[in-house]
PDB file of N, CA and C in Angstrom:
ATOM      1  N   GLY A   1     -15.415  46.055 -83.370  1.00  0.00           N
ATOM      2  CA  GLY A   1     -15.042  46.594 -82.080  1.00  0.00           C
ATOM      3  C   GLY A   1     -15.987  47.685 -81.644  1.00  0.00           C
ATOM      4  N   THR A   2     -15.861  48.058 -80.424  1.00  0.00           N
ATOM      5  CA  THR A   2     -16.694  49.129 -79.897  1.00  0.00           C
ATOM      6  C   THR A   2     -16.110  50.473 -80.302  1.00  0.00           C
ATOM      7  N   PRO A   3     -16.968  51.430 -80.624  1.00  0.00           N
ATOM      8  CA  PRO A   3     -16.457  52.749 -81.019  1.00  0.00           C
ATOM      9  C   PRO A   3     -15.781  53.450 -79.847  1.00  0.00           C
ATOM     10  N   ARG A   4     -14.729  54.172 -80.172  1.00  0.00           N
ATOM     11  CA  ARG A   4     -14.027  54.935 -79.128  1.00  0.00           C
ATOM     12  C   ARG A   4     -14.812  56.197 -78.806  1.00  0.00           C
ATOM     13  N   ILE A   5     -14.918  56.489 -77.542  1.00  0.00           N
ATOM     14  CA  ILE A   5     -15.636  57.689 -77.112  1.00  0.00           C
ATOM     15  C   ILE A   5     -14.707  58.887 -77.262  1.00  0.00           C
ATOM     16  N   PRO A   6     -15.189  59.950 -77.924  1.00  0.00           N
ATOM     17  CA  PRO A   6     -14.324  61.123 -78.087  1.00  0.00           C
ATOM     18  C   PRO A   6     -13.892  61.687 -76.741  1.00  0.00           C
ATOM     19  N   MET A   7     -12.588  61.895 -76.587  1.00  0.00           N
ATOM     20  CA  MET A   7     -12.092  62.486 -75.347  1.00  0.00           C
ATOM     21  C   MET A   7     -11.767  63.963 -75.536  1.00  0.00           C
ATOM     22  N   TRP A   8     -11.627  64.380 -76.767  1.00  0.00           N
ATOM     23  CA  TRP A   8     -11.369  65.785 -77.079  1.00  0.00           C
ATOM     24  C   TRP A   8     -12.570  66.319 -77.835  1.00  0.00           C
ATOM     25  N   THR A   9     -13.433  67.041 -77.142  1.00  0.00           N
ATOM     26  CA  THR A   9     -14.596  67.633 -77.792  1.00  0.00           C
ATOM     27  C   THR A   9     -14.686  69.092 -77.387  1.00  0.00           C
ATOM     28  N   GLY A  10     -15.142  69.905 -78.307  1.00  0.00           N
ATOM     29  CA  GLY A  10     -15.308  71.319 -78.027  1.00  0.00           C
ATOM     30  C   GLY A  10     -14.648  72.170 -79.094  1.00  0.00           C
ATOM     31  N   ASP A  11     -14.445  73.428 -78.759  1.00  0.00           N
ATOM     32  CA  ASP A  11     -13.873  74.379 -79.709  1.00  0.00           C
ATOM     33  C   ASP A  11     -12.434  74.728 -79.342  1.00  0.00           C
ATOM     34  N   LEU A  12     -11.601  74.760 -80.348  1.00  0.00           N
ATOM     35  CA  LEU A  12     -10.236  75.255 -80.199  1.00  0.00           C
ATOM     36  C   LEU A  12     -10.174  76.575 -80.948  1.00  0.00           C
ATOM     37  N   ILE A  13      -9.906  77.657 -80.236  1.00  0.00           N
ATOM     38  CA  ILE A  13      -9.816  78.975 -80.857  1.00  0.00           C
ATOM     39  C   ILE A  13      -8.347  79.300 -81.057  1.00  0.00           C
ATOM     40  N   LEU A  14      -7.975  79.460 -82.306  1.00  0.00           N
ATOM     41  CA  LEU A  14      -6.591  79.772 -82.668  1.00  0.00           C
ATOM     42  C   LEU A  14      -6.517  81.242 -83.042  1.00  0.00           C
ATOM     43  N   LYS A  15      -5.625  81.974 -82.371  1.00  0.00           N
ATOM     44  CA  LYS A  15      -5.417  83.393 -82.673  1.00  0.00           C
ATOM     45  C   LYS A  15      -4.038  83.566 -83.282  1.00  0.00           C
ATOM     46  N   ALA A  16      -3.998  84.085 -84.490  1.00  0.00           N
ATOM     47  CA  ALA A  16      -2.732  84.404 -85.151  1.00  0.00           C
ATOM     48  C   ALA A  16      -2.513  85.895 -84.967  1.00  0.00           C
ATOM     49  N   ILE A  17      -1.559  86.253 -84.108  1.00  0.00           N
ATOM     50  CA  ILE A  17      -1.347  87.655 -83.771  1.00  0.00           C
ATOM     51  C   ILE A  17      -0.360  88.302 -84.721  1.00  0.00           C
ATOM     52  N   GLY A  18       0.851  87.750 -84.823  1.00  0.00           N
ATOM     53  CA  GLY A  18       1.828  88.338 -85.728  1.00  0.00           C
ATOM     54  C   GLY A  18       3.122  87.568 -85.728  1.00  0.00           C
ATOM     55  N   GLY A  19       4.073  88.079 -86.456  1.00  0.00           N
ATOM     56  CA  GLY A  19       5.375  87.449 -86.557  1.00  0.00           C
ATOM     57  C   GLY A  19       6.469  88.497 -86.552  1.00  0.00           C
ATOM     58  N   ALA A  20       7.702  88.065 -86.340  1.00  0.00           N
ATOM     59  CA  ALA A  20       8.847  88.980 -86.345  1.00  0.00           C
ATOM     60  C   ALA A  20      10.076  88.222 -86.814  1.00  0.00           C
ATOM     61  N   GLY A  21      10.947  88.927 -87.514  1.00  0.00           N
ATOM     62  CA  GLY A  21      12.211  88.345 -87.933  1.00  0.00           C
ATOM     63  C   GLY A  21      12.081  87.258 -88.981  1.00  0.00           C
ATOM     64  N   LEU A  22      11.037  87.340 -89.813  1.00  0.00           N
ATOM     65  CA  LEU A  22      10.872  86.329 -90.863  1.00  0.00           C
ATOM     66  C   LEU A  22      11.970  86.467 -91.915  1.00  0.00           C
ATOM     67  N   ARG A  23      12.224  85.370 -92.606  1.00  0.00           N
ATOM     68  CA  ARG A  23      13.223  85.357 -93.682  1.00  0.00           C
ATOM     69  C   ARG A  23      12.687  86.117 -94.890  1.00  0.00           C
ATOM     70  N   ALA A  24      13.569  86.871 -95.527  1.00  0.00           N
ATOM     71  CA  ALA A  24      13.206  87.590 -96.754  1.00  0.00           C
ATOM     72  C   ALA A  24      13.260  86.607 -97.921  1.00  0.00           C
ATOM     73  N   ALA A  25      12.112  86.328 -98.509  1.00  0.00           N
ATOM     74  CA  ALA A  25      12.053  85.367 -99.614  1.00  0.00           C
ATOM     75  C   ALA A  25      12.023  86.068-100.971  1.00  0.00           C
ATOM     76  N   ASP A  26      11.735  87.359-100.960  1.00  0.00           N
ATOM     77  CA  ASP A  26      11.685  88.132-102.195  1.00  0.00           C
ATOM     78  C   ASP A  26      12.752  89.218-102.143  1.00  0.00           C
ATOM     79  N   THR A  27      13.375  89.502-103.282  1.00  0.00           N
ATOM     80  CA  THR A  27      14.369  90.581-103.364  1.00  0.00           C
ATOM     81  C   THR A  27      13.971  91.511-104.492  1.00  0.00           C
ATOM     82  N   ASN A  28      13.997  92.831-104.204  1.00  0.00           N
ATOM     83  CA  ASN A  28      13.664  93.769-105.273  1.00  0.00           C
ATOM     84  C   ASN A  28      14.934  94.175-106.022  1.00  0.00           C
ATOM     85  N   MET A  29      14.802  95.074-106.990  1.00  0.00           N
ATOM     86  CA  MET A  29      15.954  95.426-107.836  1.00  0.00           C
ATOM     87  C   MET A  29      17.036  96.178-107.071  1.00  0.00           C
ATOM     88  N   PHE A  30      16.734  96.662-105.874  1.00  0.00           N
ATOM     89  CA  PHE A  30      17.735  97.368-105.065  1.00  0.00           C
ATOM     90  C   PHE A  30      18.410  96.427-104.067  1.00  0.00           C
ATOM     91  N   GLY A  31      18.059  95.139-104.108  1.00  0.00           N
ATOM     92  CA  GLY A  31      18.673  94.154-103.227  1.00  0.00           C
ATOM     93  C   GLY A  31      18.041  94.061-101.856  1.00  0.00           C
ATOM     94  N   LYS A  32      17.004  94.877-101.633  1.00  0.00           N
ATOM     95  CA  LYS A  32      16.338  94.849-100.327  1.00  0.00           C
ATOM     96  C   LYS A  32      15.326  93.706-100.317  1.00  0.00           C
ATOM     97  N   GLY A  33      15.334  92.921 -99.245  1.00  0.00           N
ATOM     98  CA  GLY A  33      14.467  91.752 -99.189  1.00  0.00           C
ATOM     99  C   GLY A  33      13.237  91.954 -98.338  1.00  0.00           C
ATOM    100  N   SER A  34      12.178  91.259 -98.714  1.00  0.00           N
ATOM    101  CA  SER A  34      10.949  91.238 -97.917  1.00  0.00           C
ATOM    102  C   SER A  34      10.221  89.933 -98.231  1.00  0.00           C
ATOM    103  N   SER A  35       9.082  89.756 -97.609  1.00  0.00           N
ATOM    104  CA  SER A  35       8.222  88.613 -97.883  1.00  0.00           C
ATOM    105  C   SER A  35       6.781  89.092 -97.876  1.00  0.00           C
ATOM    106  N   ASP A  36       5.901  88.242 -98.368  1.00  0.00           N
ATOM    107  CA  ASP A  36       4.453  88.476 -98.320  1.00  0.00           C
ATOM    108  C   ASP A  36       3.858  87.322 -97.515  1.00  0.00           C
ATOM    109  N   PRO A  37       4.033  87.364 -96.181  1.00  0.00           N
ATOM    110  CA  PRO A  37       3.718  86.187 -95.365  1.00  0.00           C
ATOM    111  C   PRO A  37       2.239  85.977 -95.062  1.00  0.00           C
ATOM    112  N   TYR A  38       1.904  84.702 -94.955  1.00  0.00           N
ATOM    113  CA  TYR A  38       0.617  84.276 -94.405  1.00  0.00           C
ATOM    114  C   TYR A  38       0.861  83.037 -93.558  1.00  0.00           C
ATOM    115  N   LEU A  39      -0.056  82.787 -92.638  1.00  0.00           N
ATOM    116  CA  LEU A  39       0.059  81.654 -91.733  1.00  0.00           C
ATOM    117  C   LEU A  39      -0.988  80.614 -92.115  1.00  0.00           C
ATOM    118  N   LYS A  40      -0.581  79.354 -92.122  1.00  0.00           N
ATOM    119  CA  LYS A  40      -1.491  78.247 -92.411  1.00  0.00           C
ATOM    120  C   LYS A  40      -1.475  77.300 -91.217  1.00  0.00           C
ATOM    121  N   ALA A  41      -2.662  76.959 -90.719  1.00  0.00           N
ATOM    122  CA  ALA A  41      -2.782  76.035 -89.587  1.00  0.00           C
ATOM    123  C   ALA A  41      -3.500  74.772 -90.048  1.00  0.00           C
ATOM    124  N   THR A  42      -2.963  73.616 -89.642  1.00  0.00           N
ATOM    125  CA  THR A  42      -3.572  72.328 -89.953  1.00  0.00           C
ATOM    126  C   THR A  42      -3.796  71.576 -88.653  1.00  0.00           C
ATOM    127  N   LEU A  43      -5.039  71.268 -88.359  1.00  0.00           N
ATOM    128  CA  LEU A  43      -5.411  70.526 -87.155  1.00  0.00           C
ATOM    129  C   LEU A  43      -5.821  69.127 -87.586  1.00  0.00           C
ATOM    130  N   THR A  44      -5.109  68.124 -87.071  1.00  0.00           N
ATOM    131  CA  THR A  44      -5.389  66.733 -87.437  1.00  0.00           C
ATOM    132  C   THR A  44      -5.908  65.983 -86.216  1.00  0.00           C
ATOM    133  N   THR A  45      -7.073  65.362 -86.384  1.00  0.00           N
ATOM    134  CA  THR A  45      -7.635  64.516 -85.336  1.00  0.00           C
ATOM    135  C   THR A  45      -7.639  63.076 -85.848  1.00  0.00           C
ATOM    136  N   ASN A  46      -8.201  62.171 -85.056  1.00  0.00           N
ATOM    137  CA  ASN A  46      -8.219  60.772 -85.494  1.00  0.00           C
ATOM    138  C   ASN A  46      -9.158  60.546 -86.675  1.00  0.00           C
ATOM    139  N   ASN A  47     -10.038  61.506 -86.973  1.00  0.00           N
ATOM    140  CA  ASN A  47     -11.001  61.269 -88.043  1.00  0.00           C
ATOM    141  C   ASN A  47     -11.100  62.383 -89.085  1.00  0.00           C
ATOM    142  N   GLU A  48     -10.334  63.457 -88.953  1.00  0.00           N
ATOM    143  CA  GLU A  48     -10.408  64.518 -89.955  1.00  0.00           C
ATOM    144  C   GLU A  48      -9.193  65.437 -89.897  1.00  0.00           C
ATOM    145  N   THR A  49      -9.016  66.170 -90.995  1.00  0.00           N
ATOM    146  CA  THR A  49      -7.973  67.185 -91.074  1.00  0.00           C
ATOM    147  C   THR A  49      -8.649  68.509 -91.413  1.00  0.00           C
ATOM    148  N   LEU A  50      -8.433  69.511 -90.552  1.00  0.00           N
ATOM    149  CA  LEU A  50      -9.036  70.827 -90.727  1.00  0.00           C
ATOM    150  C   LEU A  50      -7.939  71.836 -91.019  1.00  0.00           C
ATOM    151  N   LYS A  51      -8.230  72.770 -91.945  1.00  0.00           N
ATOM    152  CA  LYS A  51      -7.216  73.761 -92.330  1.00  0.00           C
ATOM    153  C   LYS A  51      -7.782  75.162 -92.248  1.00  0.00           C
ATOM    154  N   TRP A  52      -6.868  76.115 -92.012  1.00  0.00           N
ATOM    155  CA  TRP A  52      -7.235  77.531 -91.975  1.00  0.00           C
ATOM    156  C   TRP A  52      -6.028  78.348 -92.394  1.00  0.00           C
ATOM    157  N   LYS A  53      -6.267  79.490 -93.036  1.00  0.00           N
ATOM    158  CA  LYS A  53      -5.195  80.349 -93.522  1.00  0.00           C
ATOM    159  C   LYS A  53      -5.535  81.807 -93.221  1.00  0.00           C
ATOM    160  N   THR A  54      -4.524  82.579 -92.785  1.00  0.00           N
ATOM    161  CA  THR A  54      -4.729  84.006 -92.560  1.00  0.00           C
ATOM    162  C   THR A  54      -4.650  84.757 -93.896  1.00  0.00           C
ATOM    163  N   LYS A  55      -4.932  86.040 -93.836  1.00  0.00           N
ATOM    164  CA  LYS A  55      -4.721  86.868 -95.014  1.00  0.00           C
ATOM    165  C   LYS A  55      -3.212  87.076 -95.204  1.00  0.00           C
ATOM    166  N   THR A  56      -2.815  87.434 -96.397  1.00  0.00           N
ATOM    167  CA  THR A  56      -1.413  87.716 -96.712  1.00  0.00           C
ATOM    168  C   THR A  56      -1.120  89.174 -96.390  1.00  0.00           C
ATOM    169  N   ILE A  57      -0.007  89.420 -95.711  1.00  0.00           N
ATOM    170  CA  ILE A  57       0.438  90.789 -95.438  1.00  0.00           C
ATOM    171  C   ILE A  57       1.595  91.076 -96.403  1.00  0.00           C
ATOM    172  N   LYS A  58       1.453  92.070 -97.224  1.00  0.00           N
ATOM    173  CA  LYS A  58       2.421  92.343 -98.286  1.00  0.00           C
ATOM    174  C   LYS A  58       3.680  93.044 -97.774  1.00  0.00           C
ATOM    175  N   LYS A  59       4.820  92.665 -98.337  1.00  0.00           N
ATOM    176  CA  LYS A  59       6.118  93.330 -98.173  1.00  0.00           C
ATOM    177  C   LYS A  59       6.504  93.615 -96.718  1.00  0.00           C
ATOM    178  N   THR A  60       6.598  92.553 -95.907  1.00  0.00           N
ATOM    179  CA  THR A  60       7.006  92.735 -94.512  1.00  0.00           C
ATOM    180  C   THR A  60       7.706  91.483 -93.993  1.00  0.00           C
ATOM    181  N   LEU A  61       8.579  91.692 -93.021  1.00  0.00           N
ATOM    182  CA  LEU A  61       9.210  90.580 -92.302  1.00  0.00           C
ATOM    183  C   LEU A  61       8.669  90.507 -90.876  1.00  0.00           C
ATOM    184  N   ALA A  62       7.719  91.402 -90.556  1.00  0.00           N
ATOM    185  CA  ALA A  62       7.093  91.434 -89.229  1.00  0.00           C
ATOM    186  C   ALA A  62       5.582  91.632 -89.392  1.00  0.00           C
ATOM    187  N   PRO A  63       4.878  90.611 -89.888  1.00  0.00           N
ATOM    188  CA  PRO A  63       3.439  90.761 -90.152  1.00  0.00           C
ATOM    189  C   PRO A  63       2.607  90.846 -88.878  1.00  0.00           C
ATOM    190  N   THR A  64       1.505  91.575 -88.969  1.00  0.00           N
ATOM    191  CA  THR A  64       0.495  91.603 -87.915  1.00  0.00           C
ATOM    192  C   THR A  64      -0.796  91.105 -88.540  1.00  0.00           C
ATOM    193  N   TRP A  65      -1.244  89.919 -88.120  1.00  0.00           N
ATOM    194  CA  TRP A  65      -2.476  89.360 -88.668  1.00  0.00           C
ATOM    195  C   TRP A  65      -3.682  89.707 -87.803  1.00  0.00           C
ATOM    196  N   ASN A  66      -3.579  89.512 -86.507  1.00  0.00           N
ATOM    197  CA  ASN A  66      -4.711  89.722 -85.588  1.00  0.00           C
ATOM    198  C   ASN A  66      -5.986  89.076 -86.112  1.00  0.00           C
ATOM    199  N   GLU A  67      -5.889  87.779 -86.414  1.00  0.00           N
ATOM    200  CA  GLU A  67      -7.035  87.014 -86.895  1.00  0.00           C
ATOM    201  C   GLU A  67      -7.233  85.817 -85.974  1.00  0.00           C
ATOM    202  N   GLN A  68      -8.451  85.304 -85.942  1.00  0.00           N
ATOM    203  CA  GLN A  68      -8.686  84.094 -85.178  1.00  0.00           C
ATOM    204  C   GLN A  68      -9.643  83.177 -85.923  1.00  0.00           C
ATOM    205  N   HIS A  69      -9.543  81.896 -85.599  1.00  0.00           N
ATOM    206  CA  HIS A  69     -10.386  80.879 -86.222  1.00  0.00           C
ATOM    207  C   HIS A  69     -10.772  79.862 -85.157  1.00  0.00           C
ATOM    208  N   THR A  70     -11.982  79.349 -85.252  1.00  0.00           N
ATOM    209  CA  THR A  70     -12.459  78.342 -84.309  1.00  0.00           C
ATOM    210  C   THR A  70     -12.552  76.989 -85.012  1.00  0.00           C
ATOM    211  N   PHE A  71     -11.832  76.020 -84.472  1.00  0.00           N
ATOM    212  CA  PHE A  71     -11.928  74.637 -84.923  1.00  0.00           C
ATOM    213  C   PHE A  71     -12.856  73.908 -83.965  1.00  0.00           C
ATOM    214  N   SER A  72     -13.872  73.215 -84.478  1.00  0.00           N
ATOM    215  CA  SER A  72     -14.736  72.374 -83.647  1.00  0.00           C
ATOM    216  C   SER A  72     -14.172  70.959 -83.676  1.00  0.00           C
ATOM    217  N   ILE A  73     -13.880  70.421 -82.495  1.00  0.00           N
ATOM    218  CA  ILE A  73     -13.176  69.144 -82.391  1.00  0.00           C
ATOM    219  C   ILE A  73     -14.064  68.089 -81.739  1.00  0.00           C
ATOM    220  N   SER A  74     -14.014  66.893 -82.288  1.00  0.00           N
ATOM    221  CA  SER A  74     -14.579  65.711 -81.647  1.00  0.00           C
ATOM    222  C   SER A  74     -13.657  64.562 -82.027  1.00  0.00           C
ATOM    223  N   SER A  75     -12.726  64.264 -81.136  1.00  0.00           N
ATOM    224  CA  SER A  75     -11.666  63.320 -81.474  1.00  0.00           C
ATOM    225  C   SER A  75     -11.423  62.330 -80.342  1.00  0.00           C
ATOM    226  N   ALA A  76     -11.137  61.092 -80.724  1.00  0.00           N
ATOM    227  CA  ALA A  76     -10.823  60.057 -79.733  1.00  0.00           C
ATOM    228  C   ALA A  76      -9.350  60.073 -79.353  1.00  0.00           C
ATOM    229  N   SER A  77      -8.557  60.885 -80.033  1.00  0.00           N
ATOM    230  CA  SER A  77      -7.130  60.994 -79.704  1.00  0.00           C
ATOM    231  C   SER A  77      -6.750  62.470 -79.621  1.00  0.00           C
ATOM    232  N   VAL A  78      -5.589  62.732 -79.070  1.00  0.00           N
ATOM    233  CA  VAL A  78      -5.126  64.107 -78.917  1.00  0.00           C
ATOM    234  C   VAL A  78      -4.899  64.719 -80.307  1.00  0.00           C
ATOM    235  N   PRO A  79      -5.530  65.850 -80.607  1.00  0.00           N
ATOM    236  CA  PRO A  79      -5.334  66.481 -81.903  1.00  0.00           C
ATOM    237  C   PRO A  79      -3.899  66.999 -82.057  1.00  0.00           C
ATOM    238  N   ALA A  80      -3.460  67.086 -83.290  1.00  0.00           N
ATOM    239  CA  ALA A  80      -2.139  67.641 -83.596  1.00  0.00           C
ATOM    240  C   ALA A  80      -2.336  68.932 -84.373  1.00  0.00           C
ATOM    241  N   LEU A  81      -1.645  69.989 -83.938  1.00  0.00           N
ATOM    242  CA  LEU A  81      -1.753  71.281 -84.600  1.00  0.00           C
ATOM    243  C   LEU A  81      -0.398  71.666 -85.176  1.00  0.00           C
ATOM    244  N   LEU A  82      -0.366  71.899 -86.479  1.00  0.00           N
ATOM    245  CA  LEU A  82       0.846  72.328 -87.165  1.00  0.00           C
ATOM    246  C   LEU A  82       0.612  73.725 -87.716  1.00  0.00           C
ATOM    247  N   VAL A  83       1.538  74.648 -87.402  1.00  0.00           N
ATOM    248  CA  VAL A  83       1.460  76.022 -87.891  1.00  0.00           C
ATOM    249  C   VAL A  83       2.619  76.246 -88.849  1.00  0.00           C
ATOM    250  N   GLU A  84       2.298  76.723 -90.044  1.00  0.00           N
ATOM    251  CA  GLU A  84       3.314  76.979 -91.067  1.00  0.00           C
ATOM    252  C   GLU A  84       3.187  78.419 -91.549  1.00  0.00           C
ATOM    253  N   VAL A  85       4.317  79.000 -91.942  1.00  0.00           N
ATOM    254  CA  VAL A  85       4.315  80.342 -92.512  1.00  0.00           C
ATOM    255  C   VAL A  85       4.914  80.260 -93.909  1.00  0.00           C
ATOM    256  N   TYR A  86       4.225  80.900 -94.855  1.00  0.00           N
ATOM    257  CA  TYR A  86       4.655  80.915 -96.247  1.00  0.00           C
ATOM    258  C   TYR A  86       4.746  82.341 -96.759  1.00  0.00           C
ATOM    259  N   ASP A  87       5.557  82.520 -97.790  1.00  0.00           N
ATOM    260  CA  ASP A  87       5.639  83.761 -98.541  1.00  0.00           C
ATOM    261  C   ASP A  87       4.818  83.552 -99.808  1.00  0.00           C
ATOM    262  N   GLN A  88       3.809  84.389-100.006  1.00  0.00           N
ATOM    263  CA  GLN A  88       2.952  84.235-101.186  1.00  0.00           C
ATOM    264  C   GLN A  88       3.649  84.767-102.432  1.00  0.00           C
ATOM    265  N   ASP A  89       3.645  83.962-103.483  1.00  0.00           N
ATOM    266  CA  ASP A  89       4.232  84.333-104.760  1.00  0.00           C
ATOM    267  C   ASP A  89       3.244  84.027-105.872  1.00  0.00           C
ATOM    268  N   LEU A  90       3.524  84.560-107.059  1.00  0.00           N
ATOM    269  CA  LEU A  90       2.647  84.314-108.196  1.00  0.00           C
ATOM    270  C   LEU A  90       2.664  82.852-108.623  1.00  0.00           C
ATOM    271  N   LYS A  91       3.850  82.240-108.614  1.00  0.00           N
ATOM    272  CA  LYS A  91       3.949  80.840-109.044  1.00  0.00           C
ATOM    273  C   LYS A  91       3.781  79.920-107.844  1.00  0.00           C
ATOM    274  N   ALA A  92       4.863  79.578-107.169  1.00  0.00           N
ATOM    275  CA  ALA A  92       4.797  78.685-106.004  1.00  0.00           C
ATOM    276  C   ALA A  92       5.173  79.472-104.748  1.00  0.00           C
ATOM    277  N   ASP A  93       4.403  79.306-103.690  1.00  0.00           N
ATOM    278  CA  ASP A  93       4.684  79.997-102.436  1.00  0.00           C
ATOM    279  C   ASP A  93       5.933  79.414-101.781  1.00  0.00           C
ATOM    280  N   ASP A  94       6.729  80.294-101.150  1.00  0.00           N
ATOM    281  CA  ASP A  94       7.962  79.879-100.480  1.00  0.00           C
ATOM    282  C   ASP A  94       7.675  79.525 -99.024  1.00  0.00           C
ATOM    283  N   PHE A  95       8.203  78.402 -98.590  1.00  0.00           N
ATOM    284  CA  PHE A  95       8.078  77.956 -97.203  1.00  0.00           C
ATOM    285  C   PHE A  95       9.034  78.769 -96.339  1.00  0.00           C
ATOM    286  N   LEU A  96       8.517  79.372 -95.251  1.00  0.00           N
ATOM    287  CA  LEU A  96       9.353  80.170 -94.354  1.00  0.00           C
ATOM    288  C   LEU A  96       9.638  79.466 -93.034  1.00  0.00           C
ATOM    289  N   GLY A  97       8.771  78.549 -92.627  1.00  0.00           N
ATOM    290  CA  GLY A  97       9.004  77.837 -91.373  1.00  0.00           C
ATOM    291  C   GLY A  97       7.744  77.184 -90.851  1.00  0.00           C
ATOM    292  N   GLU A  98       7.927  76.318 -89.841  1.00  0.00           N
ATOM    293  CA  GLU A  98       6.793  75.630 -89.242  1.00  0.00           C
ATOM    294  C   GLU A  98       7.081  75.311 -87.789  1.00  0.00           C
ATOM    295  N   SER A  99       6.013  75.052 -87.056  1.00  0.00           N
ATOM    296  CA  SER A  99       6.148  74.659 -85.665  1.00  0.00           C
ATOM    297  C   SER A  99       4.931  73.828 -85.279  1.00  0.00           C
ATOM    298  N   ALA A 100       5.169  72.745 -84.557  1.00  0.00           N
ATOM    299  CA  ALA A 100       4.070  71.939 -84.019  1.00  0.00           C
ATOM    300  C   ALA A 100       3.686  72.516 -82.658  1.00  0.00           C
ATOM    301  N   VAL A 101       2.393  72.587 -82.392  1.00  0.00           N
ATOM    302  CA  VAL A 101       1.897  73.147 -81.136  1.00  0.00           C
ATOM    303  C   VAL A 101       1.400  72.013 -80.252  1.00  0.00           C
ATOM    304  N   ALA A 102       1.928  71.940 -79.040  1.00  0.00           N
ATOM    305  CA  ALA A 102       1.476  70.928 -78.078  1.00  0.00           C
ATOM    306  C   ALA A 102       0.086  71.321 -77.577  1.00  0.00           C
ATOM    307  N   MET A 103      -0.808  70.362 -77.596  1.00  0.00           N
ATOM    308  CA  MET A 103      -2.174  70.635 -77.147  1.00  0.00           C
ATOM    309  C   MET A 103      -2.217  70.645 -75.617  1.00  0.00           C
ATOM    310  N   PRO A 104      -2.965  71.582 -75.029  1.00  0.00           N
ATOM    311  CA  PRO A 104      -3.041  71.650 -73.564  1.00  0.00           C
ATOM    312  C   PRO A 104      -3.771  70.448 -72.980  1.00  0.00           C
ATOM    313  N   ALA A 105      -3.398  70.081 -71.771  1.00  0.00           N
ATOM    314  CA  ALA A 105      -4.006  68.933 -71.100  1.00  0.00           C
ATOM    315  C   ALA A 105      -5.356  69.286 -70.494  1.00  0.00           C
ATOM    316  N   GLN A 106      -5.652  70.551 -70.385  1.00  0.00           N
ATOM    317  CA  GLN A 106      -6.912  70.963 -69.780  1.00  0.00           C
ATOM    318  C   GLN A 106      -7.446  72.188 -70.506  1.00  0.00           C
ATOM    319  N   GLU A 107      -8.699  72.509 -70.190  1.00  0.00           N
ATOM    320  CA  GLU A 107      -9.312  73.685 -70.804  1.00  0.00           C
ATOM    321  C   GLU A 107      -8.656  74.945 -70.283  1.00  0.00           C
ATOM    322  N   GLY A 108      -8.790  75.993 -71.045  1.00  0.00           N
ATOM    323  CA  GLY A 108      -8.245  77.273 -70.646  1.00  0.00           C
ATOM    324  C   GLY A 108      -7.428  77.870 -71.767  1.00  0.00           C
ATOM    325  N   GLU A 109      -6.986  79.084 -71.551  1.00  0.00           N
ATOM    326  CA  GLU A 109      -6.221  79.779 -72.570  1.00  0.00           C
ATOM    327  C   GLU A 109      -4.738  79.482 -72.407  1.00  0.00           C
ATOM    328  N   VAL A 110      -4.116  79.107 -73.497  1.00  0.00           N
ATOM    329  CA  VAL A 110      -2.689  78.815 -73.507  1.00  0.00           C
ATOM    330  C   VAL A 110      -2.071  79.638 -74.624  1.00  0.00           C
ATOM    331  N   GLN A 111      -1.006  80.362 -74.319  1.00  0.00           N
ATOM    332  CA  GLN A 111      -0.317  81.138 -75.337  1.00  0.00           C
ATOM    333  C   GLN A 111       0.980  80.439 -75.717  1.00  0.00           C
ATOM    334  N   HIS A 112       1.228  80.377 -77.014  1.00  0.00           N
ATOM    335  CA  HIS A 112       2.451  79.779 -77.534  1.00  0.00           C
ATOM    336  C   HIS A 112       3.180  80.805 -78.368  1.00  0.00           C
ATOM    337  N   LYS A 113       4.448  80.993 -78.092  1.00  0.00           N
ATOM    338  CA  LYS A 113       5.303  81.786 -78.957  1.00  0.00           C
ATOM    339  C   LYS A 113       6.072  80.773 -79.785  1.00  0.00           C
ATOM    340  N   LEU A 114       5.757  80.716 -81.065  1.00  0.00           N
ATOM    341  CA  LEU A 114       6.340  79.704 -81.922  1.00  0.00           C
ATOM    342  C   LEU A 114       7.603  80.216 -82.580  1.00  0.00           C
ATOM    343  N   VAL A 115       8.652  79.435 -82.505  1.00  0.00           N
ATOM    344  CA  VAL A 115       9.896  79.762 -83.182  1.00  0.00           C
ATOM    345  C   VAL A 115       9.997  78.878 -84.405  1.00  0.00           C
ATOM    346  N   LEU A 116      10.055  79.510 -85.571  1.00  0.00           N
ATOM    347  CA  LEU A 116      10.060  78.748 -86.817  1.00  0.00           C
ATOM    348  C   LEU A 116      11.464  78.447 -87.253  1.00  0.00           C
TER     349      LEU A 116
END
């Protein structure tokens, strides 16, 4: 068959600003809970899967990351973006939530407030 011409080409800039009201996945000896959250983004196109992770913010339920990452896209189909938040632990990280992000139909800046 004939190759499909990429319809989604260019850069997607993802900015992880912060979070609020996260679930406490860790409990200290006084019963007070917190988490060590980080955000993981997975961008899936018709031909590749790209991943990015923020730094971990220790002992908080309201992290401020203020980080950004640029994904370079060349895809024949609409990319899918999944954002997940985890609590970092020594053994296995705890899942705190996820949200799928709808890709914009046109160029420009789009802000999403994700509810996990």
